[in-house]
Each structure stands twice: as structure tokens, then as C-alpha cells.
C-alpha atoms as a PDB file:
ATOM      1  CA  MET A   1       0.899 -12.719 -16.186  1.00  0.00           C
ATOM      2  CA  SER A   2      -1.961 -12.758 -13.669  1.00  0.00           C
ATOM      3  CA  LEU A   3      -2.765  -9.783 -11.462  1.00  0.00           C
ATOM      4  CA  GLN A   4      -1.555 -11.766  -8.422  1.00  0.00           C
ATOM      5  CA  GLU A   5       1.784 -12.445 -10.162  1.00  0.00           C
ATOM      6  CA  GLN A   6       2.112  -8.770 -11.123  1.00  0.00           C
ATOM      7  CA  PHE A   7       1.332  -7.797  -7.522  1.00  0.00           C
ATOM      8  CA  ASP A   8       3.906 -10.256  -6.123  1.00  0.00           C
ATOM      9  CA  GLN A   9       6.524  -8.869  -8.542  1.00  0.00           C
ATOM     10  CA  ALA A  10       5.646  -5.293  -7.562  1.00  0.00           C
ATOM     11  CA  VAL A  11       6.083  -6.184  -3.868  1.00  0.00           C
ATOM     12  CA  THR A  12       9.570  -7.469  -4.686  1.00  0.00           C
ATOM     13  CA  ASP A  13      10.310  -4.436  -6.872  1.00  0.00           C
ATOM     14  CA  SER A  14       9.149  -2.034  -4.142  1.00  0.00           C
ATOM     15  CA  LYS A  15      12.091  -3.139  -2.004  1.00  0.00           C
ATOM     16  CA  ASN A  16      14.585  -2.207  -4.746  1.00  0.00           C
ATOM     17  CA  LEU A  17      13.404   1.187  -5.979  1.00  0.00           C
ATOM     18  CA  PRO A  18      16.090   3.533  -7.380  1.00  0.00           C
ATOM     19  CA  GLU A  19      15.076   6.266  -4.903  1.00  0.00           C
ATOM     20  CA  ARG A  20      13.299   6.170  -1.561  1.00  0.00           C
ATOM     21  CA  PRO A  21       9.777   7.576  -2.071  1.00  0.00           C
ATOM     22  CA  ASP A  22       8.571  10.481   0.074  1.00  0.00           C
ATOM     23  CA  ASN A  23       6.549   9.695   3.194  1.00  0.00           C
ATOM     24  CA  LEU A  24       3.152  10.333   1.578  1.00  0.00           C
ATOM     25  CA  THR A  25       3.993   7.912  -1.233  1.00  0.00           C
ATOM     26  CA  LEU A  26       5.266   5.348   1.277  1.00  0.00           C
ATOM     27  CA  LEU A  27       1.967   5.601   3.151  1.00  0.00           C
ATOM     28  CA  LYS A  28       0.054   5.122  -0.108  1.00  0.00           C
ATOM     29  CA  ILE A  29       2.150   2.034  -0.918  1.00  0.00           C
ATOM     30  CA  TYR A  30       1.536   0.681   2.588  1.00  0.00           C
ATOM     31  CA  GLY A  31      -2.209   1.313   2.457  1.00  0.00           C
ATOM     32  CA  LEU A  32      -2.607  -0.302  -0.960  1.00  0.00           C
ATOM     33  CA  PHE A  33      -0.532  -3.310   0.133  1.00  0.00           C
ATOM     34  CA  LYS A  34      -2.628  -3.809   3.280  1.00  0.00           C
ATOM     35  CA  GLN A  35      -5.910  -3.366   1.373  1.00  0.00           C
ATOM     36  CA  ALA A  36      -4.798  -5.829  -1.333  1.00  0.00           C
ATOM     37  CA  SER A  37      -3.530  -8.328   1.248  1.00  0.00           C
ATOM     38  CA  GLY A  38      -6.127  -8.121   3.983  1.00  0.00           C
ATOM     39  CA  GLY A  39      -9.116  -6.068   2.890  1.00  0.00           C
ATOM     40  CA  ASP A  40     -10.560  -3.209   4.917  1.00  0.00           C
ATOM     41  CA  ALA A  41      -8.666  -1.913   7.952  1.00  0.00           C
ATOM     42  CA  THR A  42      -9.288  -3.774  11.174  1.00  0.00           C
ATOM     43  CA  GLY A  43      -8.655  -3.059  14.821  1.00  0.00           C
ATOM     44  CA  GLU A  44      -8.764   0.185  16.716  1.00  0.00           C
ATOM     45  CA  GLN A  45      -7.270   3.364  15.318  1.00  0.00           C
ATOM     46  CA  PRO A  46      -3.937   3.934  17.120  1.00  0.00           C
ATOM     47  CA  GLY A  47      -3.795   6.848  19.557  1.00  0.00           C
ATOM     48  CA  MET A  48      -2.607  10.339  18.691  1.00  0.00           C
ATOM     49  CA  THR A  49       0.749   9.777  20.428  1.00  0.00           C
ATOM     50  CA  ASP A  50       1.741   6.904  18.128  1.00  0.00           C
ATOM     51  CA  PHE A  51       2.195   9.044  15.014  1.00  0.00           C
ATOM     52  CA  VAL A  52       3.665   6.384  12.719  1.00  0.00           C
ATOM     53  CA  ALA A  53       1.144   3.656  13.534  1.00  0.00           C
ATOM     54  CA  ARG A  54      -1.724   6.111  13.257  1.00  0.00           C
ATOM     55  CA  ALA A  55      -0.546   7.428   9.873  1.00  0.00           C
ATOM     56  CA  LYS A  56      -0.205   3.876   8.546  1.00  0.00           C
ATOM     57  CA  TRP A  57      -3.620   2.836   9.868  1.00  0.00           C
ATOM     58  CA  ASP A  58      -5.243   5.990   8.443  1.00  0.00           C
ATOM     59  CA  ALA A  59      -3.619   5.376   5.017  1.00  0.00           C
ATOM     60  CA  TRP A  60      -5.076   1.850   5.044  1.00  0.00           C
ATOM     61  CA  ASN A  61      -8.482   2.895   6.407  1.00  0.00           C
ATOM     62  CA  ASN A  62      -8.826   5.599   3.723  1.00  0.00           C
ATOM     63  CA  LEU A  63      -9.060   2.778   1.160  1.00  0.00           C
ATOM     64  CA  LYS A  64     -12.054   1.155   2.872  1.00  0.00           C
ATOM     65  CA  GLY A  65     -14.346  -0.451   0.315  1.00  0.00           C
ATOM     66  CA  LEU A  66     -11.698  -0.670  -2.424  1.00  0.00           C
ATOM     67  CA  SER A  67     -11.748  -4.167  -3.929  1.00  0.00           C
ATOM     68  CA  ARG A  68      -8.757  -6.461  -3.534  1.00  0.00           C
ATOM     69  CA  ASP A  69      -8.162  -6.513  -7.301  1.00  0.00           C
ATOM     70  CA  GLU A  70      -8.380  -2.721  -7.608  1.00  0.00           C
ATOM     71  CA  ALA A  71      -5.956  -2.282  -4.688  1.00  0.00           C
ATOM     72  CA  MET A  72      -3.539  -4.750  -6.302  1.00  0.00           C
ATOM     73  CA  GLN A  73      -3.760  -2.942  -9.655  1.00  0.00           C
ATOM     74  CA  GLN A  74      -3.180   0.472  -8.081  1.00  0.00           C
ATOM     75  CA  TYR A  75      -0.216  -0.939  -6.129  1.00  0.00           C
ATOM     76  CA  VAL A  76       1.305  -2.420  -9.306  1.00  0.00           C
ATOM     77  CA  ASP A  77       0.788   0.842 -11.225  1.00  0.00           C
ATOM     78  CA  LEU A  78       2.311   2.955  -8.440  1.00  0.00           C
ATOM     79  CA  VAL A  79       5.397   0.758  -8.029  1.00  0.00           C
ATOM     80  CA  ASN A  80       5.901   0.639 -11.804  1.00  0.00           C
ATOM     81  CA  ASP A  81       5.724   4.448 -11.926  1.00  0.00           C
ATOM     82  CA  LEU A  82       8.308   4.681  -9.136  1.00  0.00           C
ATOM     83  CA  LYS A  83      10.628   2.251 -10.951  1.00  0.00           C
ATOM     84  CA  GLY A  84      10.745   4.699 -13.837  1.00  0.00           C
END
């Protein structure tokens, strides 16, 4: 199975996890997904008053420079760990 196929399966699996991950893990999942899907973070950092959008953007931006393949692999590994 190719890395892209594993990633696509992990995206599907992430929607059916046995337990909802904690917020920090959810942000890590989000950041890895965005990095694997779109590369480095784009756009302006959301303002301090938009806590959720800012946390998501920061989680994505913290992965700046991580290759698409490495982001996909980390995403797959994390989701597989969460599946148990």
C-alpha cells in the first residue's frame, strides 16, 4: 500500500476513533493533515481573540519545513496509535 493510500485510510480512520483524543492531540492531527495536504502554513496568523483558529494555525505553522511525505507518515503513525 502506498503512503498516499495509507494516509487516505488514516484520514477515514481518524473519524472513527474509539475515543475522542484530547485537544493537544487533535491539534497535532490537524497540523499534520494540513501540512501533508497543503504544505507550509499560509495566510495571516489569526488574532488573539479567535482562540480556536489561532491554535489550529499555530499547530500547522509549527510544522513548517516538514516534507509532505514525512507529515503523511507521522499522521498515519499517530492515527494508528490512537486506534489501538
